[in-house]
PDB file of N, CA and C in Angstrom:
ATOM      1  N   MET A   1       7.094  14.562 -29.340  1.00  0.00           N
ATOM      2  CA  MET A   1       8.752  14.471 -29.694  1.00  0.00           C
ATOM      3  C   MET A   1       8.680  13.796 -31.289  1.00  0.00           C
ATOM      4  N   CYS A   2      10.451  13.695 -31.766  1.00  0.00           N
ATOM      5  CA  CYS A   2      10.459  13.282 -32.875  1.00  0.00           C
ATOM      6  C   CYS A   2      11.211  11.901 -32.586  1.00  0.00           C
ATOM      7  N   TYR A   3      10.906  11.308 -31.730  1.00  0.00           N
ATOM      8  CA  TYR A   3      11.825   9.766 -31.931  1.00  0.00           C
ATOM      9  C   TYR A   3      10.352   8.980 -31.478  1.00  0.00           C
ATOM     10  N   LEU A   4      10.427   7.971 -31.731  1.00  0.00           N
ATOM     11  CA  LEU A   4       9.427   6.929 -31.308  1.00  0.00           C
ATOM     12  C   LEU A   4       9.503   6.302 -29.770  1.00  0.00           C
ATOM     13  N   LEU A   5       8.715   6.317 -28.779  1.00  0.00           N
ATOM     14  CA  LEU A   5       9.010   5.287 -27.394  1.00  0.00           C
ATOM     15  C   LEU A   5       8.544   4.172 -27.482  1.00  0.00           C
ATOM     16  N   THR A   6       9.719   3.470 -27.781  1.00  0.00           N
ATOM     17  CA  THR A   6       9.754   1.923 -28.105  1.00  0.00           C
ATOM     18  C   THR A   6       8.875   1.324 -26.525  1.00  0.00           C
ATOM     19  N   ASP A   7       8.938  -0.151 -27.347  1.00  0.00           N
ATOM     20  CA  ASP A   7       8.711  -0.264 -25.548  1.00  0.00           C
ATOM     21  C   ASP A   7       9.616  -0.462 -24.423  1.00  0.00           C
ATOM     22  N   ASN A   8      10.832  -1.090 -25.061  1.00  0.00           N
ATOM     23  CA  ASN A   8      11.827  -1.050 -24.217  1.00  0.00           C
ATOM     24  C   ASN A   8      12.428   0.218 -23.766  1.00  0.00           C
ATOM     25  N   ARG A   9      12.270   1.186 -24.286  1.00  0.00           N
ATOM     26  CA  ARG A   9      12.612   2.991 -24.099  1.00  0.00           C
ATOM     27  C   ARG A   9      11.512   3.270 -23.115  1.00  0.00           C
ATOM     28  N   ARG A  10      10.361   2.838 -23.096  1.00  0.00           N
ATOM     29  CA  ARG A  10       8.954   3.056 -22.194  1.00  0.00           C
ATOM     30  C   ARG A  10       9.481   2.583 -21.018  1.00  0.00           C
ATOM     31  N   ALA A  11       9.813   1.326 -21.049  1.00  0.00           N
ATOM     32  CA  ALA A  11      10.262   0.286 -19.874  1.00  0.00           C
ATOM     33  C   ALA A  11      11.222   1.180 -18.966  1.00  0.00           C
ATOM     34  N   LYS A  12      12.396   1.596 -19.624  1.00  0.00           N
ATOM     35  CA  LYS A  12      13.320   1.870 -19.066  1.00  0.00           C
ATOM     36  C   LYS A  12      12.832   3.395 -18.579  1.00  0.00           C
ATOM     37  N   LYS A  13      12.329   3.992 -18.880  1.00  0.00           N
ATOM     38  CA  LYS A  13      11.574   5.657 -18.574  1.00  0.00           C
ATOM     39  C   LYS A  13      11.032   5.295 -17.871  1.00  0.00           C
ATOM     40  N   VAL A  14      10.084   4.317 -17.460  1.00  0.00           N
ATOM     41  CA  VAL A  14       9.734   4.427 -16.279  1.00  0.00           C
ATOM     42  C   VAL A  14      10.463   3.936 -15.144  1.00  0.00           C
ATOM     43  N   SER A  15      10.817   2.854 -15.573  1.00  0.00           N
ATOM     44  CA  SER A  15      11.812   1.608 -14.408  1.00  0.00           C
ATOM     45  C   SER A  15      12.644   3.663 -13.988  1.00  0.00           C
ATOM     46  N   ALA A  16      12.943   4.211 -14.629  1.00  0.00           N
ATOM     47  CA  ALA A  16      14.198   5.538 -14.078  1.00  0.00           C
ATOM     48  C   ALA A  16      13.359   6.385 -13.181  1.00  0.00           C
ATOM     49  N   HIS A  17      11.929   6.537 -13.441  1.00  0.00           N
ATOM     50  CA  HIS A  17      11.213   7.315 -12.615  1.00  0.00           C
ATOM     51  C   HIS A  17      10.904   6.560 -11.819  1.00  0.00           C
ATOM     52  N   ARG A  18      10.709   5.746 -11.093  1.00  0.00           N
ATOM     53  CA  ARG A  18      10.109   5.162 -10.382  1.00  0.00           C
ATOM     54  C   ARG A  18      11.263   5.003  -9.055  1.00  0.00           C
ATOM     55  N   ALA A  19      12.692   4.562  -9.809  1.00  0.00           N
ATOM     56  CA  ALA A  19      13.937   4.603  -9.357  1.00  0.00           C
ATOM     57  C   ALA A  19      14.215   6.275  -8.492  1.00  0.00           C
ATOM     58  N   LEU A  20      14.000   7.172  -9.191  1.00  0.00           N
ATOM     59  CA  LEU A  20      13.967   8.195  -8.905  1.00  0.00           C
ATOM     60  C   LEU A  20      12.408   8.646  -7.501  1.00  0.00           C
ATOM     61  N   MET A  21      11.360   8.020  -8.194  1.00  0.00           N
ATOM     62  CA  MET A  21      10.562   8.175  -6.754  1.00  0.00           C
ATOM     63  C   MET A  21      11.060   7.488  -5.169  1.00  0.00           C
ATOM     64  N   GLU A  22      11.287   6.398  -5.685  1.00  0.00           N
ATOM     65  CA  GLU A  22      11.645   5.398  -4.434  1.00  0.00           C
ATOM     66  C   GLU A  22      13.105   6.120  -3.487  1.00  0.00           C
ATOM     67  N   ALA A  23      13.887   7.037  -4.282  1.00  0.00           N
ATOM     68  CA  ALA A  23      14.851   7.582  -3.479  1.00  0.00           C
ATOM     69  C   ALA A  23      14.005   8.738  -3.017  1.00  0.00           C
ATOM     70  N   ALA A  24      13.116   9.379  -3.303  1.00  0.00           N
ATOM     71  CA  ALA A  24      12.464  10.420  -2.568  1.00  0.00           C
ATOM     72  C   ALA A  24      11.995  10.058  -1.429  1.00  0.00           C
ATOM     73  N   LEU A  25      11.032   8.982  -2.058  1.00  0.00           N
ATOM     74  CA  LEU A  25      10.311   8.547  -0.499  1.00  0.00           C
ATOM     75  C   LEU A  25      11.510   7.834   0.531  1.00  0.00           C
ATOM     76  N   ALA A  26      12.348   7.399  -0.174  1.00  0.00           N
ATOM     77  CA  ALA A  26      13.308   6.668   1.092  1.00  0.00           C
ATOM     78  C   ALA A  26      14.163   8.162   1.946  1.00  0.00           C
ATOM     79  N   ARG A  27      14.102   9.245   1.435  1.00  0.00           N
ATOM     80  CA  ARG A  27      14.882  10.537   1.558  1.00  0.00           C
ATOM     81  C   ARG A  27      16.065   9.790   1.419  1.00  0.00           C
ATOM     82  N   ASP A  28      16.575   9.718   0.361  1.00  0.00           N
ATOM     83  CA  ASP A  28      17.699   8.793   0.159  1.00  0.00           C
ATOM     84  C   ASP A  28      18.255  10.171  -0.723  1.00  0.00           C
ATOM     85  N   ALA A  29      18.671  11.075  -0.198  1.00  0.00           N
ATOM     86  CA  ALA A  29      19.190  12.394  -0.453  1.00  0.00           C
ATOM     87  C   ALA A  29      20.908  11.855  -2.071  1.00  0.00           C
ATOM     88  N   ASP A  30      21.418  11.058  -1.517  1.00  0.00           N
ATOM     89  CA  ASP A  30      22.757  11.050  -2.376  1.00  0.00           C
ATOM     90  C   ASP A  30      22.560   9.728  -3.404  1.00  0.00           C
ATOM     91  N   SER A  31      21.181   8.879  -3.190  1.00  0.00           N
ATOM     92  CA  SER A  31      20.875   8.536  -4.405  1.00  0.00           C
ATOM     93  C   SER A  31      20.060   9.011  -5.604  1.00  0.00           C
ATOM     94  N   ALA A  32      19.255  10.040  -5.047  1.00  0.00           N
ATOM     95  CA  ALA A  32      18.361  11.364  -5.848  1.00  0.00           C
ATOM     96  C   ALA A  32      18.929  11.824  -6.481  1.00  0.00           C
ATOM     97  N   VAL A  33      20.437  12.664  -6.020  1.00  0.00           N
ATOM     98  CA  VAL A  33      20.806  13.114  -6.801  1.00  0.00           C
ATOM     99  C   VAL A  33      21.914  12.562  -8.271  1.00  0.00           C
ATOM    100  N   LYS A  34      22.018  10.993  -7.414  1.00  0.00           N
ATOM    101  CA  LYS A  34      22.717  10.864  -8.872  1.00  0.00           C
ATOM    102  C   LYS A  34      21.861  10.380  -9.721  1.00  0.00           C
ATOM    103  N   LEU A  35      20.485   9.977  -9.250  1.00  0.00           N
ATOM    104  CA  LEU A  35      19.671   9.019 -10.726  1.00  0.00           C
ATOM    105  C   LEU A  35      19.337  10.550 -11.195  1.00  0.00           C
ATOM    106  N   LEU A  36      19.279  12.003 -10.823  1.00  0.00           N
ATOM    107  CA  LEU A  36      18.480  13.143 -11.135  1.00  0.00           C
ATOM    108  C   LEU A  36      19.722  13.889 -12.248  1.00  0.00           C
ATOM    109  N   LYS A  37      20.858  13.511 -11.862  1.00  0.00           N
ATOM    110  CA  LYS A  37      22.315  13.830 -12.890  1.00  0.00           C
ATOM    111  C   LYS A  37      21.970  13.080 -13.800  1.00  0.00           C
ATOM    112  N   VAL A  38      21.939  11.817 -13.922  1.00  0.00           N
ATOM    113  CA  VAL A  38      21.834  11.087 -15.007  1.00  0.00           C
ATOM    114  C   VAL A  38      20.522  11.090 -16.141  1.00  0.00           C
ATOM    115  N   HIS A  39      19.364  11.370 -14.932  1.00  0.00           N
ATOM    116  CA  HIS A  39      18.444  11.569 -15.955  1.00  0.00           C
ATOM    117  C   HIS A  39      18.172  13.105 -16.470  1.00  0.00           C
ATOM    118  N   TYR A  40      19.307  14.026 -16.076  1.00  0.00           N
ATOM    119  CA  TYR A  40      19.237  15.557 -16.550  1.00  0.00           C
ATOM    120  C   TYR A  40      19.712  14.707 -17.927  1.00  0.00           C
ATOM    121  N   GLU A  41      21.262  14.540 -17.912  1.00  0.00           N
ATOM    122  CA  GLU A  41      22.027  14.455 -18.725  1.00  0.00           C
ATOM    123  C   GLU A  41      21.421  13.488 -20.354  1.00  0.00           C
ATOM    124  N   HIS A  42      20.603  12.005 -20.029  1.00  0.00           N
ATOM    125  CA  HIS A  42      20.015  12.024 -20.584  1.00  0.00           C
ATOM    126  C   HIS A  42      19.080  12.319 -21.758  1.00  0.00           C
ATOM    127  N   THR A  43      18.008  13.219 -20.373  1.00  0.00           N
ATOM    128  CA  THR A  43      17.063  14.247 -21.620  1.00  0.00           C
ATOM    129  C   THR A  43      17.875  15.340 -21.988  1.00  0.00           C
ATOM    130  N   THR A  44      19.313  15.830 -21.759  1.00  0.00           N
ATOM    131  CA  THR A  44      19.595  16.786 -22.799  1.00  0.00           C
ATOM    132  C   THR A  44      19.767  16.152 -23.845  1.00  0.00           C
ATOM    133  N   ARG A  45      20.760  15.230 -23.541  1.00  0.00           N
ATOM    134  CA  ARG A  45      21.355  14.742 -24.877  1.00  0.00           C
ATOM    135  C   ARG A  45      20.536  13.837 -26.057  1.00  0.00           C
ATOM    136  N   ASN A  46      18.860  13.547 -25.264  1.00  0.00           N
ATOM    137  CA  ASN A  46      17.697  13.240 -26.406  1.00  0.00           C
ATOM    138  C   ASN A  46      17.852  14.633 -26.897  1.00  0.00           C
ATOM    139  N   LEU A  47      17.453  15.862 -26.148  1.00  0.00           N
ATOM    140  CA  LEU A  47      16.710  16.782 -26.591  1.00  0.00           C
ATOM    141  C   LEU A  47      17.848  17.353 -28.193  1.00  0.00           C
ATOM    142  N   ILE A  48      18.774  17.476 -27.657  1.00  0.00           N
ATOM    143  CA  ILE A  48      19.640  18.358 -28.324  1.00  0.00           C
ATOM    144  C   ILE A  48      19.662  16.921 -29.918  1.00  0.00           C
ATOM    145  N   ASN A  49      19.814  15.932 -29.638  1.00  0.00           N
ATOM    146  CA  ASN A  49      20.334  14.778 -30.644  1.00  0.00           C
ATOM    147  C   ASN A  49      18.807  14.976 -31.824  1.00  0.00           C
ATOM    148  N   ASN A  50      17.695  15.314 -30.732  1.00  0.00           N
ATOM    149  CA  ASN A  50      16.811  15.076 -32.030  1.00  0.00           C
ATOM    150  C   ASN A  50      16.227  16.941 -32.254  1.00  0.00           C
ATOM    151  N   ASN A  51      17.391  17.563 -32.119  1.00  0.00           N
ATOM    152  CA  ASN A  51      17.309  18.943 -32.617  1.00  0.00           C
ATOM    153  C   ASN A  51      16.037  19.951 -32.307  1.00  0.00           C
ATOM    154  N   LEU A  52      16.033  19.561 -30.807  1.00  0.00           N
ATOM    155  CA  LEU A  52      15.116  20.414 -29.848  1.00  0.00           C
ATOM    156  C   LEU A  52      15.777  21.193 -28.818  1.00  0.00           C
ATOM    157  N   LEU A  53      16.988  21.247 -28.759  1.00  0.00           N
ATOM    158  CA  LEU A  53      17.618  22.219 -28.059  1.00  0.00           C
ATOM    159  C   LEU A  53      18.777  22.308 -28.413  1.00  0.00           C
ATOM    160  N   GLU A  54      19.233  23.512 -28.356  1.00  0.00           N
ATOM    161  CA  GLU A  54      20.795  23.617 -29.416  1.00  0.00           C
ATOM    162  C   GLU A  54      22.081  23.268 -28.038  1.00  0.00           C
ATOM    163  N   LYS A  55      22.804  22.717 -28.223  1.00  0.00           N
ATOM    164  CA  LYS A  55      24.166  23.011 -27.910  1.00  0.00           C
ATOM    165  C   LYS A  55      24.628  24.416 -27.379  1.00  0.00           C
ATOM    166  N   THR A  56      25.104  24.332 -25.833  1.00  0.00           N
ATOM    167  CA  THR A  56      25.774  25.974 -25.527  1.00  0.00           C
ATOM    168  C   THR A  56      26.746  25.080 -24.734  1.00  0.00           C
ATOM    169  N   THR A  57      27.501  26.032 -24.430  1.00  0.00           N
ATOM    170  CA  THR A  57      28.796  25.647 -23.893  1.00  0.00           C
ATOM    171  C   THR A  57      28.486  26.712 -22.361  1.00  0.00           C
ATOM    172  N   ALA A  58      29.534  25.936 -21.361  1.00  0.00           N
ATOM    173  CA  ALA A  58      29.455  26.437 -19.863  1.00  0.00           C
ATOM    174  C   ALA A  58      30.213  28.050 -19.788  1.00  0.00           C
ATOM    175  N   ALA A  59      29.496  29.268 -19.060  1.00  0.00           N
ATOM    176  CA  ALA A  59      30.094  30.377 -18.849  1.00  0.00           C
ATOM    177  C   ALA A  59      31.645  30.654 -18.348  1.00  0.00           C
TER     178      ALA A  59
END
C-alpha cells in the first residue's frame, strides 16, 4: 500500500472487521449490510486517494 498503516488506523481497521464478524455471527443482516457499505466506501476512497483505482461514473 502507498500509505502507512498507523497504530490508530490499524486499530480502526481491526475494530471495523470485528464489528462485521460479530454482525455476521449474530445473523444481524441489517447491521452487516450497513457495516459493509461503510467498509466498501472507505476502501474505495482509500484506493482512489492513493491512485490505486480510477474514479468512474455509474452507468
